[in-house]
Amino acid sequence: MLSDVPAAFSLGFFFLPPVAVDMVLGVLSALLIARLLNRTGLSRFFWHPPLALFGLAVLMSSLFGMFLRP
């Protein structure tokens, strides 16, 4: 049903679309994954680490969007 989909999330006086919440969660989880990869030394296998971080952020944002929202 269309009435079940939230139109916006309120954060005090700010109203955020659901996609913005997914993007924030995706970027935060990508930063956490990148930090874990740096700590274990696995990030040395990436040709361009900032591009890999961007790809992780896009991937995690899309996963949050698919599984958190109905």
N, C-alpha and C. Protein backbone atom coordinates (compact mmCIF):
# COMPACT_ATOMS: atom_id res chain seq x y z
N MET A 1 0.82 -1.16 0.00
CA MET A 1 0.00 0.00 0.00
C MET A 1 0.89 1.25 0.00
N LEU A 2 0.45 2.26 -0.67
CA LEU A 2 1.22 3.49 -0.74
C LEU A 2 1.21 4.26 0.58
N SER A 3 0.21 4.03 1.42
CA SER A 3 0.16 4.76 2.68
C SER A 3 1.18 4.24 3.69
N ASP A 4 1.75 3.04 3.47
CA ASP A 4 2.73 2.47 4.38
C ASP A 4 4.13 3.06 4.18
N VAL A 5 4.39 3.63 3.03
CA VAL A 5 5.71 4.17 2.73
C VAL A 5 5.85 5.54 3.38
N PRO A 6 6.89 5.74 4.22
CA PRO A 6 7.02 7.06 4.86
C PRO A 6 7.43 8.12 3.84
N ALA A 7 6.81 9.29 3.93
CA ALA A 7 7.13 10.36 3.01
C ALA A 7 8.42 11.06 3.42
N ALA A 8 8.64 11.21 4.73
CA ALA A 8 9.85 11.88 5.21
C ALA A 8 10.06 11.50 6.67
N PHE A 9 11.32 11.52 7.07
CA PHE A 9 11.66 11.30 8.47
C PHE A 9 11.94 12.65 9.10
N SER A 10 11.39 12.88 10.26
CA SER A 10 11.63 14.16 10.92
C SER A 10 12.75 13.99 11.94
N LEU A 11 13.67 14.92 11.88
CA LEU A 11 14.79 14.95 12.80
C LEU A 11 14.82 16.36 13.39
N GLY A 12 14.00 16.55 14.42
CA GLY A 12 13.85 17.90 14.95
C GLY A 12 13.05 18.74 13.97
N PHE A 13 13.66 19.80 13.46
CA PHE A 13 13.01 20.65 12.48
C PHE A 13 13.38 20.28 11.05
N PHE A 14 14.20 19.25 10.87
CA PHE A 14 14.64 18.82 9.55
C PHE A 14 13.81 17.63 9.09
N PHE A 15 13.42 17.67 7.85
CA PHE A 15 12.70 16.55 7.26
C PHE A 15 13.59 15.94 6.18
N LEU A 16 13.88 14.66 6.33
CA LEU A 16 14.77 13.96 5.40
C LEU A 16 13.99 12.92 4.63
N PRO A 17 14.25 12.82 3.33
CA PRO A 17 13.63 11.72 2.58
C PRO A 17 14.26 10.39 2.99
N PRO A 18 13.56 9.30 2.81
CA PRO A 18 14.10 7.99 3.21
C PRO A 18 15.41 7.64 2.50
N VAL A 19 15.61 8.14 1.30
CA VAL A 19 16.85 7.86 0.58
C VAL A 19 18.05 8.50 1.28
N ALA A 20 17.86 9.67 1.87
CA ALA A 20 18.95 10.34 2.58
C ALA A 20 19.37 9.53 3.81
N VAL A 21 18.41 8.93 4.48
CA VAL A 21 18.74 8.09 5.63
C VAL A 21 19.52 6.86 5.17
N ASP A 22 19.12 6.28 4.05
CA ASP A 22 19.85 5.13 3.50
C ASP A 22 21.27 5.52 3.12
N MET A 23 21.44 6.71 2.54
CA MET A 23 22.77 7.15 2.14
C MET A 23 23.67 7.39 3.35
N VAL A 24 23.13 7.97 4.41
CA VAL A 24 23.93 8.21 5.61
C VAL A 24 24.36 6.89 6.23
N LEU A 25 23.43 5.95 6.33
CA LEU A 25 23.77 4.63 6.87
C LEU A 25 24.78 3.91 5.99
N GLY A 26 24.65 4.05 4.67
CA GLY A 26 25.57 3.41 3.75
C GLY A 26 26.98 3.98 3.84
N VAL A 27 27.09 5.30 3.95
CA VAL A 27 28.41 5.93 4.05
C VAL A 27 29.06 5.57 5.38
N LEU A 28 28.29 5.57 6.46
CA LEU A 28 28.86 5.21 7.76
C LEU A 28 29.33 3.75 7.78
N SER A 29 28.56 2.86 7.20
CA SER A 29 28.98 1.46 7.17
C SER A 29 30.18 1.27 6.24
N ALA A 30 30.25 2.03 5.14
CA ALA A 30 31.40 1.93 4.24
C ALA A 30 32.66 2.44 4.93
N LEU A 31 32.53 3.50 5.71
CA LEU A 31 33.69 3.99 6.47
C LEU A 31 34.16 2.95 7.49
N LEU A 32 33.22 2.28 8.13
CA LEU A 32 33.58 1.24 9.09
C LEU A 32 34.28 0.07 8.39
N ILE A 33 33.77 -0.34 7.24
CA ILE A 33 34.40 -1.43 6.49
C ILE A 33 35.78 -1.02 6.00
N ALA A 34 35.92 0.22 5.53
CA ALA A 34 37.23 0.70 5.07
C ALA A 34 38.23 0.74 6.22
N ARG A 35 37.78 1.13 7.39
CA ARG A 35 38.67 1.15 8.55
C ARG A 35 39.11 -0.26 8.92
N LEU A 36 38.19 -1.22 8.83
CA LEU A 36 38.55 -2.62 9.11
C LEU A 36 39.53 -3.15 8.06
N LEU A 37 39.32 -2.77 6.79
CA LEU A 37 40.23 -3.21 5.75
C LEU A 37 41.62 -2.59 5.93
N ASN A 38 41.67 -1.33 6.35
CA ASN A 38 42.96 -0.70 6.62
C ASN A 38 43.67 -1.34 7.79
N ARG A 39 42.92 -1.68 8.82
CA ARG A 39 43.51 -2.27 10.02
C ARG A 39 44.07 -3.66 9.75
N THR A 40 43.38 -4.43 8.91
CA THR A 40 43.85 -5.79 8.60
C THR A 40 44.88 -5.82 7.47
N GLY A 41 45.04 -4.70 6.75
CA GLY A 41 46.02 -4.64 5.68
C GLY A 41 45.48 -5.10 4.33
N LEU A 42 44.20 -5.36 4.25
CA LEU A 42 43.62 -5.84 2.99
C LEU A 42 43.38 -4.70 2.00
N SER A 43 43.45 -3.47 2.44
CA SER A 43 43.21 -2.34 1.53
C SER A 43 44.37 -2.14 0.57
N ARG A 44 45.49 -2.80 0.80
CA ARG A 44 46.63 -2.64 -0.13
C ARG A 44 46.36 -3.30 -1.48
N PHE A 45 45.33 -4.14 -1.56
CA PHE A 45 44.99 -4.79 -2.81
C PHE A 45 44.11 -3.93 -3.71
N PHE A 46 43.65 -2.79 -3.22
CA PHE A 46 42.83 -1.89 -4.03
C PHE A 46 43.73 -1.00 -4.85
N TRP A 47 43.39 -0.82 -6.12
CA TRP A 47 44.17 0.03 -6.99
C TRP A 47 43.99 1.50 -6.61
N HIS A 48 42.75 1.88 -6.29
CA HIS A 48 42.43 3.26 -5.97
C HIS A 48 41.50 3.26 -4.75
N PRO A 49 42.05 3.37 -3.54
CA PRO A 49 41.23 3.24 -2.33
C PRO A 49 40.05 4.21 -2.23
N PRO A 50 40.18 5.49 -2.63
CA PRO A 50 38.99 6.35 -2.56
C PRO A 50 37.86 5.87 -3.48
N LEU A 51 38.22 5.33 -4.64
CA LEU A 51 37.20 4.79 -5.53
C LEU A 51 36.55 3.54 -4.93
N ALA A 52 37.34 2.74 -4.25
CA ALA A 52 36.79 1.56 -3.57
C ALA A 52 35.85 1.99 -2.44
N LEU A 53 36.20 3.05 -1.72
CA LEU A 53 35.32 3.57 -0.66
C LEU A 53 34.01 4.08 -1.25
N PHE A 54 34.09 4.78 -2.38
CA PHE A 54 32.87 5.25 -3.04
C PHE A 54 32.00 4.08 -3.48
N GLY A 55 32.63 3.05 -4.03
CA GLY A 55 31.88 1.86 -4.45
C GLY A 55 31.23 1.16 -3.27
N LEU A 56 31.95 1.07 -2.16
CA LEU A 56 31.37 0.47 -0.95
C LEU A 56 30.19 1.29 -0.44
N ALA A 57 30.31 2.62 -0.50
CA ALA A 57 29.23 3.48 -0.03
C ALA A 57 27.99 3.30 -0.90
N VAL A 58 28.17 3.21 -2.20
CA VAL A 58 27.03 3.01 -3.10
C VAL A 58 26.41 1.64 -2.86
N LEU A 59 27.24 0.63 -2.72
CA LEU A 59 26.75 -0.73 -2.48
C LEU A 59 25.99 -0.82 -1.16
N MET A 60 26.56 -0.27 -0.11
CA MET A 60 25.91 -0.36 1.19
C MET A 60 24.63 0.48 1.23
N SER A 61 24.63 1.63 0.57
CA SER A 61 23.41 2.45 0.52
C SER A 61 22.29 1.72 -0.20
N SER A 62 22.63 1.06 -1.29
CA SER A 62 21.59 0.32 -2.01
C SER A 62 21.10 -0.88 -1.21
N LEU A 63 22.00 -1.53 -0.47
CA LEU A 63 21.56 -2.65 0.37
C LEU A 63 20.65 -2.18 1.50
N PHE A 64 20.99 -1.05 2.13
CA PHE A 64 20.12 -0.51 3.16
C PHE A 64 18.77 -0.11 2.56
N GLY A 65 18.80 0.45 1.37
CA GLY A 65 17.54 0.84 0.73
C GLY A 65 16.67 -0.35 0.38
N MET A 66 17.28 -1.46 0.00
CA MET A 66 16.49 -2.64 -0.37
C MET A 66 15.94 -3.36 0.85
N PHE A 67 16.71 -3.43 1.93
CA PHE A 67 16.29 -4.29 3.04
C PHE A 67 15.67 -3.55 4.22
N LEU A 68 15.88 -2.25 4.35
CA LEU A 68 15.30 -1.53 5.49
C LEU A 68 13.93 -0.94 5.18
N ARG A 69 13.71 -0.56 3.95
CA ARG A 69 12.41 0.02 3.59
C ARG A 69 11.55 -1.03 2.93
N PRO A 70 10.24 -0.98 3.20
CA PRO A 70 9.35 -2.00 2.61
C PRO A 70 9.18 -1.83 1.12
